[in-house]
Protein backbone atom coordinates (compact mmCIF):
# COMPACT_ATOMS: atom_id res chain seq x y z
CA UNK A 1 10.35 36.47 22.84
CA UNK A 2 10.65 32.70 22.29
CA UNK A 3 10.45 31.80 18.58
CA UNK A 4 9.02 27.88 18.33
CA UNK A 5 10.64 26.03 15.27
CA UNK A 6 7.75 24.91 12.61
CA UNK A 7 6.95 21.16 13.22
CA UNK A 8 8.56 18.79 11.08
CA UNK A 9 6.06 17.50 8.55
CA UNK A 10 4.39 13.84 9.24
CA UNK A 11 4.67 11.07 7.14
CA UNK A 12 1.80 9.00 5.59
CA UNK A 13 3.04 6.05 3.84
CA UNK A 14 1.64 3.70 1.12
CA UNK A 15 2.64 -0.06 2.02
CA UNK A 16 2.82 -2.43 -1.38
CA UNK A 17 5.81 -0.97 -3.29
CA UNK A 18 6.73 1.39 -1.04
CA UNK A 19 7.04 -0.74 2.07
CA UNK A 20 6.64 -4.24 0.85
CA UNK A 21 7.72 -4.71 -2.76
CA UNK A 22 4.64 -6.68 -4.34
CA UNK A 23 4.32 -8.67 -7.86
CA UNK A 24 1.68 -11.12 -8.28
CA UNK A 25 3.42 -12.10 -11.09
CA UNK A 26 5.83 -13.60 -8.42
CA UNK A 27 2.90 -16.17 -7.84
CA UNK A 28 3.06 -17.89 -11.68
CA UNK A 29 6.74 -18.29 -12.33
CA UNK A 30 6.50 -21.97 -12.02
CA UNK A 31 2.62 -21.84 -13.00
CA UNK A 32 2.31 -20.18 -16.04
CA UNK A 33 6.20 -19.57 -17.20
CA UNK A 34 5.05 -18.65 -20.51
CA UNK A 35 5.28 -14.79 -20.83
CA UNK A 36 2.77 -13.97 -22.99
CA UNK A 37 0.02 -16.35 -21.39
CA UNK A 38 0.88 -15.33 -18.06
CA UNK A 39 0.24 -11.53 -19.74
CA UNK A 40 -3.37 -12.90 -20.97
CA UNK A 41 -3.93 -14.85 -17.84
CA UNK A 42 -3.48 -11.30 -15.91
CA UNK A 43 -5.56 -9.02 -18.26
CA UNK A 44 -8.31 -11.48 -18.41
CA UNK A 45 -8.41 -13.87 -15.40
CA UNK A 46 -7.12 -12.44 -12.14
CA UNK A 47 -6.97 -9.06 -13.48
CA UNK A 48 -6.68 -5.49 -11.28
CA UNK A 49 -10.34 -4.64 -11.22
CA UNK A 50 -10.89 -8.41 -9.72
CA UNK A 51 -8.22 -7.76 -7.28
CA UNK A 52 -9.41 -4.37 -5.69
CA UNK A 53 -12.73 -5.86 -4.94
CA UNK A 54 -10.43 -7.81 -2.09
CA UNK A 55 -9.00 -4.27 -1.16
CA UNK A 56 -12.54 -3.28 -0.87
CA UNK A 57 -13.77 -5.32 1.56
CA UNK A 58 -14.47 -8.78 -0.56
CA UNK A 59 -13.38 -12.23 1.24
CA UNK A 60 -10.85 -14.24 -0.61
CA UNK A 61 -13.14 -17.25 -0.39
CA UNK A 62 -15.73 -14.84 -2.22
CA UNK A 63 -12.99 -13.73 -5.02
CA UNK A 64 -11.93 -17.34 -5.78
CA UNK A 65 -15.67 -18.75 -5.90
CA UNK A 66 -16.70 -16.18 -8.29
CA UNK A 67 -13.36 -16.43 -10.85
CA UNK A 68 -13.60 -20.23 -10.26
CA UNK A 69 -17.28 -20.17 -11.55
CA UNK A 70 -16.45 -18.00 -14.60
CA UNK A 71 -13.10 -19.84 -15.74
CA UNK A 72 -13.17 -23.05 -14.52
CA UNK A 73 -10.17 -24.10 -16.98
CA UNK A 74 -8.10 -21.82 -14.72
CA UNK A 75 -9.26 -22.99 -11.15
CA UNK A 76 -5.41 -23.95 -9.91
CA UNK A 77 -4.20 -21.27 -11.20
CA UNK A 78 -6.65 -18.57 -9.53
CA UNK A 79 -6.89 -20.29 -6.32
CA UNK A 80 -2.83 -20.03 -6.35
CA UNK A 81 -3.27 -15.86 -6.39
CA UNK A 82 -4.71 -16.28 -3.02
CA UNK A 83 -3.33 -19.58 -1.41
CA UNK A 84 -0.01 -18.70 -2.52
CA UNK A 85 0.03 -14.86 -2.01
CA UNK A 86 2.83 -14.42 0.26
CA UNK A 87 5.11 -15.19 -3.01
CA UNK A 88 4.05 -12.11 -4.94
CA UNK A 89 5.26 -10.14 -1.42
CA UNK A 90 9.17 -11.38 -1.70
CA UNK A 91 10.07 -8.81 0.77
CA UNK A 92 10.61 -5.47 1.96
CA UNK A 93 12.25 -2.32 0.48
CA UNK A 94 14.92 -1.74 3.03
CA UNK A 95 15.78 2.04 2.33
CA UNK A 96 11.75 3.34 2.85
CA UNK A 97 11.63 0.61 6.35
CA UNK A 98 14.82 2.31 7.43
CA UNK A 99 13.04 5.70 7.26
CA UNK A 100 10.08 4.24 8.83
CA UNK A 101 12.39 3.00 11.55
CA UNK A 102 14.64 6.13 12.37
CA UNK A 103 11.22 8.48 12.56
CA UNK A 104 9.98 6.13 15.00
CA UNK A 105 12.74 6.05 16.91
CA UNK A 106 13.78 9.41 17.36
CA UNK A 107 9.25 9.86 18.05
CA UNK A 108 7.94 11.25 15.46
CA UNK A 109 4.47 9.74 14.29
CA UNK A 110 3.64 8.10 11.55
CA UNK A 111 0.82 7.17 9.67
CA UNK A 112 -0.17 4.67 6.67
CA UNK A 113 -3.19 4.69 4.22
CA UNK A 114 -3.19 1.26 2.38
CA UNK A 115 -4.98 -0.53 -0.03
CA UNK A 116 -5.26 -4.04 1.26
CA UNK A 117 -7.63 -7.09 1.68
CA UNK A 118 -8.46 -7.80 5.55
CA UNK A 119 -7.06 -11.30 5.34
CA UNK A 120 -3.58 -10.25 3.71
CA UNK A 121 -3.71 -7.52 6.23
CA UNK A 122 -3.82 -9.55 9.06
CA UNK A 123 -1.04 -11.93 8.31
CA UNK A 124 1.20 -9.68 7.30
CA UNK A 125 0.94 -7.44 10.66
CA UNK A 126 2.37 -11.24 11.66
CA UNK A 127 5.19 -11.32 8.83
CA UNK A 128 6.38 -8.03 8.63
CA UNK A 129 5.67 -6.98 12.67
CA UNK A 130 6.80 -2.95 11.75
CA UNK A 131 3.79 -2.80 10.24
CA UNK A 132 2.39 -2.74 14.06
CA UNK A 133 4.76 0.46 14.47
CA UNK A 134 2.36 3.49 13.03
CA UNK A 135 0.34 5.34 15.34
CA UNK A 136 -2.56 5.34 13.10
CA UNK A 137 -2.99 3.30 9.26
CA UNK A 138 -6.03 3.35 7.17
CA UNK A 139 -6.61 -0.23 5.93
CA UNK A 140 -8.77 0.20 2.88
CA UNK A 141 -10.82 -2.96 3.65
CA UNK A 142 -11.71 -2.63 7.09
CA UNK A 143 -13.30 0.96 6.10
CA UNK A 144 -14.75 -0.34 2.43
CA UNK A 145 -12.71 2.73 0.55
CA UNK A 146 -10.19 2.81 -1.79
CA UNK A 147 -7.91 5.09 -2.84
CA UNK A 148 -7.58 7.49 -4.61
CA UNK A 149 -10.96 8.01 -3.13
CA UNK A 150 -10.81 11.68 -1.33
CA UNK A 151 -12.75 10.04 1.52
CA UNK A 152 -10.12 7.97 2.25
CA UNK A 153 -7.70 10.65 2.95
CA UNK A 154 -10.17 13.01 4.83
CA UNK A 155 -10.92 9.98 7.20
CA UNK A 156 -7.27 9.43 8.34
CA UNK A 157 -6.92 13.23 8.95
CA UNK A 158 -10.22 13.24 10.94
CA UNK A 159 -9.74 10.04 12.64
CA UNK A 160 -6.09 10.49 13.75
CA UNK A 161 -6.51 14.92 14.08
CA UNK A 162 -4.04 15.45 11.40
CA UNK A 163 -3.82 18.62 8.77
CA UNK A 164 -3.26 17.80 5.29
CA UNK A 165 -0.81 20.66 4.98
CA UNK A 166 1.41 19.10 7.42
CA UNK A 167 1.22 15.47 6.05
CA UNK A 168 3.66 14.18 3.48
CA UNK A 169 1.89 11.36 1.20
CA UNK A 170 4.57 8.88 -0.13
CA UNK A 171 2.54 6.36 -2.80
CA UNK A 172 3.91 4.73 -5.95
CA UNK A 173 0.25 5.13 -7.77
CA UNK A 174 0.19 8.86 -9.56
CA UNK A 175 -3.57 8.71 -9.35
CA UNK A 176 -3.12 8.39 -5.24
CA UNK A 177 -0.65 10.74 -5.43
CA UNK A 178 -2.32 13.21 -7.38
CA UNK A 179 -5.88 12.90 -5.35
CA UNK A 180 -3.83 13.27 -1.56
CA UNK A 181 -2.17 16.60 -3.71
CA UNK A 182 -5.37 17.48 -4.21
CA UNK A 183 -6.55 17.66 -0.62
CA UNK A 184 -3.15 19.67 0.24
CA UNK A 185 -0.71 17.29 0.92
CA UNK A 186 2.61 17.15 -0.11
CA UNK A 187 3.17 14.30 -1.90
CA UNK A 188 6.04 11.98 -3.18
CA UNK A 189 5.98 9.77 -6.54
CA UNK A 190 7.61 6.89 -5.01
CA UNK A 191 9.62 5.18 -7.99
CA UNK A 192 12.52 3.56 -7.96
CA UNK A 193 15.34 4.22 -7.89
CA UNK A 194 14.56 7.34 -5.39
CA UNK A 195 16.41 8.50 -2.88
CA UNK A 196 13.61 8.95 0.07
CA UNK A 197 15.35 10.74 2.37
CA UNK A 198 16.09 13.42 0.07
CA UNK A 199 12.66 13.91 -1.16
CA UNK A 200 11.46 14.39 2.27
CA UNK A 201 13.97 16.49 3.30
CA UNK A 202 12.87 18.86 0.00
CA UNK A 203 9.51 18.76 1.23
CA UNK A 204 10.61 20.40 4.76
CA UNK A 205 11.00 16.92 6.68
CA UNK A 206 14.39 16.72 8.81
CA UNK A 207 15.95 13.60 8.66
């Protein structure tokens, strides 16, 4: 009787700081060159909590208008977060994109779950065409769900007929990794320097 080889696990990527480098502070290298002043601005004006609402589906126009009304003295800097947003994405994470390209090249199905605004995701699909190569993507703003909500992982599995135990989820956020692991996914906490190929091999992927 022929014995069937076990299927290779399916890789599910995060995007920001796994495939694309992202640091919003890069927008302010000239606008707010003083490190302590920039720290204050990022903690009190263009905060992570404000930014995540764009990932949840709020438009950038509404987000900027809200913040300018609250902090009119920072209007130029607030508008820069939106208008110069692509400066916060200096490029790709080369090794990760190479792994993605290799997996796709040999015919593996590859997926992504990303916290991303609707507008910036559309722009990044043009700027970084490899983002169009996924067999399925869950974009938080499209679904109004944000990692680490378990519902966003469950949506991926339901929509693309995946089993949690057959997936390896790669993310730079410890909270997101923990949420995926709690649902039964294998996980890779992506913190550079990291040998992603080795990490995936250790979890059963042939590369």
